[in-house]
């Protein structure tokens, strides 16, 4: 088992940036990748990307070039740097860990709200 706690959500203007953090309850070296997903109202949850323990990253086409996932092993923390935010990026953002495949994690965080105003 692992607990994931996100932070950093909030309100930002269109064109702005925001960084989310996710702290895991155990070493992220022991997890088969960590990543981020989001869910807008009335929409299905969308995979955004993930990072392996070796540092390799994969991104969804909708965020590639705007969003960056990084990690700090010493802090058991994964980050999601979001740039050039638009109102359509408004969603609850979820941290996830220990992936069964590219997009399917075993564990989820509780989510953090990101709202982008126009």
Protein backbone atom coordinates (compact mmCIF):
# COMPACT_ATOMS: atom_id res chain seq x y z
CA UNK A 1 0.00 0.00 0.00
CA UNK A 2 1.03 3.57 -0.55
CA UNK A 3 -0.66 6.84 0.34
CA UNK A 4 -0.39 9.77 -2.03
CA UNK A 5 -1.05 13.36 -1.01
CA UNK A 6 -1.31 16.11 -3.62
CA UNK A 7 -0.86 19.81 -3.03
CA UNK A 8 -0.50 22.99 -5.04
CA UNK A 9 -3.88 23.29 -6.67
CA UNK A 10 -5.73 26.56 -6.86
CA UNK A 11 -6.96 29.36 -9.09
CA UNK A 12 -4.76 30.68 -11.87
CA UNK A 13 -5.36 32.99 -14.81
CA UNK A 14 -5.20 31.75 -18.36
CA UNK A 15 -1.64 31.76 -19.64
CA UNK A 16 -0.26 31.25 -16.16
CA UNK A 17 1.65 28.41 -14.56
CA UNK A 18 1.12 26.15 -11.61
CA UNK A 19 3.10 23.33 -10.04
CA UNK A 20 1.47 20.42 -8.25
CA UNK A 21 3.31 18.15 -5.84
CA UNK A 22 2.55 14.61 -4.74
CA UNK A 23 4.19 13.06 -1.72
CA UNK A 24 4.24 9.27 -1.43
CA UNK A 25 4.25 7.44 1.88
CA UNK A 26 7.15 5.25 0.83
CA UNK A 27 10.17 5.42 -1.45
CA UNK A 28 9.17 6.06 -5.04
CA UNK A 29 12.00 3.74 -6.05
CA UNK A 30 9.72 0.89 -4.94
CA UNK A 31 6.91 1.99 -7.25
CA UNK A 32 6.52 1.10 -10.89
CA UNK A 33 6.25 4.70 -12.08
CA UNK A 34 4.26 7.64 -10.78
CA UNK A 35 2.05 9.91 -12.79
CA UNK A 36 -0.77 12.39 -13.11
CA UNK A 37 -4.35 12.26 -14.35
CA UNK A 38 -7.17 14.78 -14.37
CA UNK A 39 -10.93 14.77 -14.47
CA UNK A 40 -13.09 17.67 -15.57
CA UNK A 41 -16.79 17.82 -14.60
CA UNK A 42 -18.81 15.41 -16.69
CA UNK A 43 -15.72 13.96 -18.34
CA UNK A 44 -13.83 10.71 -17.98
CA UNK A 45 -10.56 10.73 -16.10
CA UNK A 46 -7.70 11.56 -18.46
CA UNK A 47 -4.15 10.25 -18.22
CA UNK A 48 -1.62 13.08 -18.51
CA UNK A 49 1.70 11.34 -18.16
CA UNK A 50 4.02 9.40 -15.95
CA UNK A 51 7.63 9.13 -14.85
CA UNK A 52 9.50 5.93 -14.10
CA UNK A 53 11.94 5.43 -11.26
CA UNK A 54 14.67 5.73 -13.85
CA UNK A 55 13.40 9.13 -14.92
CA UNK A 56 11.84 8.26 -18.26
CA UNK A 57 8.70 10.21 -19.03
CA UNK A 58 5.65 9.76 -21.25
CA UNK A 59 2.99 12.38 -21.90
CA UNK A 60 -0.45 12.58 -23.42
CA UNK A 61 -0.55 14.52 -26.64
CA UNK A 62 -2.91 17.09 -25.12
CA UNK A 63 -0.29 18.30 -22.62
CA UNK A 64 3.04 17.42 -24.21
CA UNK A 65 5.22 20.50 -24.39
CA UNK A 66 3.17 22.36 -21.75
CA UNK A 67 3.30 20.00 -18.78
CA UNK A 68 6.42 18.47 -17.25
CA UNK A 69 6.64 15.67 -14.71
CA UNK A 70 9.67 15.44 -12.47
CA UNK A 71 10.58 13.73 -9.22
CA UNK A 72 12.69 14.12 -6.11
CA UNK A 73 13.56 10.73 -4.72
CA UNK A 74 14.92 12.13 -1.48
CA UNK A 75 11.53 13.71 -0.76
CA UNK A 76 9.43 10.84 -2.21
CA UNK A 77 7.78 13.55 -4.28
CA UNK A 78 6.62 13.85 -7.86
CA UNK A 79 5.79 17.19 -9.46
CA UNK A 80 3.59 18.35 -12.30
CA UNK A 81 4.72 21.66 -13.76
CA UNK A 82 1.94 23.16 -15.85
CA UNK A 83 2.56 26.08 -18.20
CA UNK A 84 0.39 28.05 -20.62
CA UNK A 85 -2.73 27.02 -18.77
CA UNK A 86 -6.10 27.46 -20.44
CA UNK A 87 -9.66 27.29 -19.08
CA UNK A 88 -10.01 23.80 -20.56
CA UNK A 89 -7.29 22.64 -18.17
CA UNK A 90 -9.72 23.19 -15.30
CA UNK A 91 -10.15 19.85 -13.53
CA UNK A 92 -9.39 17.84 -10.44
CA UNK A 93 -5.83 16.61 -10.79
CA UNK A 94 -4.89 13.23 -9.36
CA UNK A 95 -1.53 11.77 -8.53
CA UNK A 96 -1.17 8.05 -9.18
CA UNK A 97 1.41 5.38 -8.57
CA UNK A 98 2.59 1.86 -9.32
CA UNK A 99 1.40 1.48 -12.88
CA UNK A 100 0.18 -1.84 -14.26
CA UNK A 101 0.66 -0.51 -17.77
CA UNK A 102 1.25 2.89 -19.38
CA UNK A 103 -2.00 4.41 -18.13
CA UNK A 104 -3.37 2.20 -15.32
CA UNK A 105 -2.16 2.85 -11.77
CA UNK A 106 -2.80 0.80 -8.68
CA UNK A 107 -2.97 3.73 -6.30
CA UNK A 108 -4.58 7.15 -6.40
CA UNK A 109 -4.29 10.35 -4.44
CA UNK A 110 -7.34 12.26 -3.28
CA UNK A 111 -7.08 14.91 -5.97
CA UNK A 112 -6.52 18.66 -6.00
CA UNK A 113 -8.63 21.22 -7.81
CA UNK A 114 -7.09 23.40 -10.50
CA UNK A 115 -9.23 26.21 -11.88
CA UNK A 116 -8.07 28.34 -14.79
CA UNK A 117 -9.94 31.58 -15.29
CA UNK A 118 -10.25 33.29 -18.65
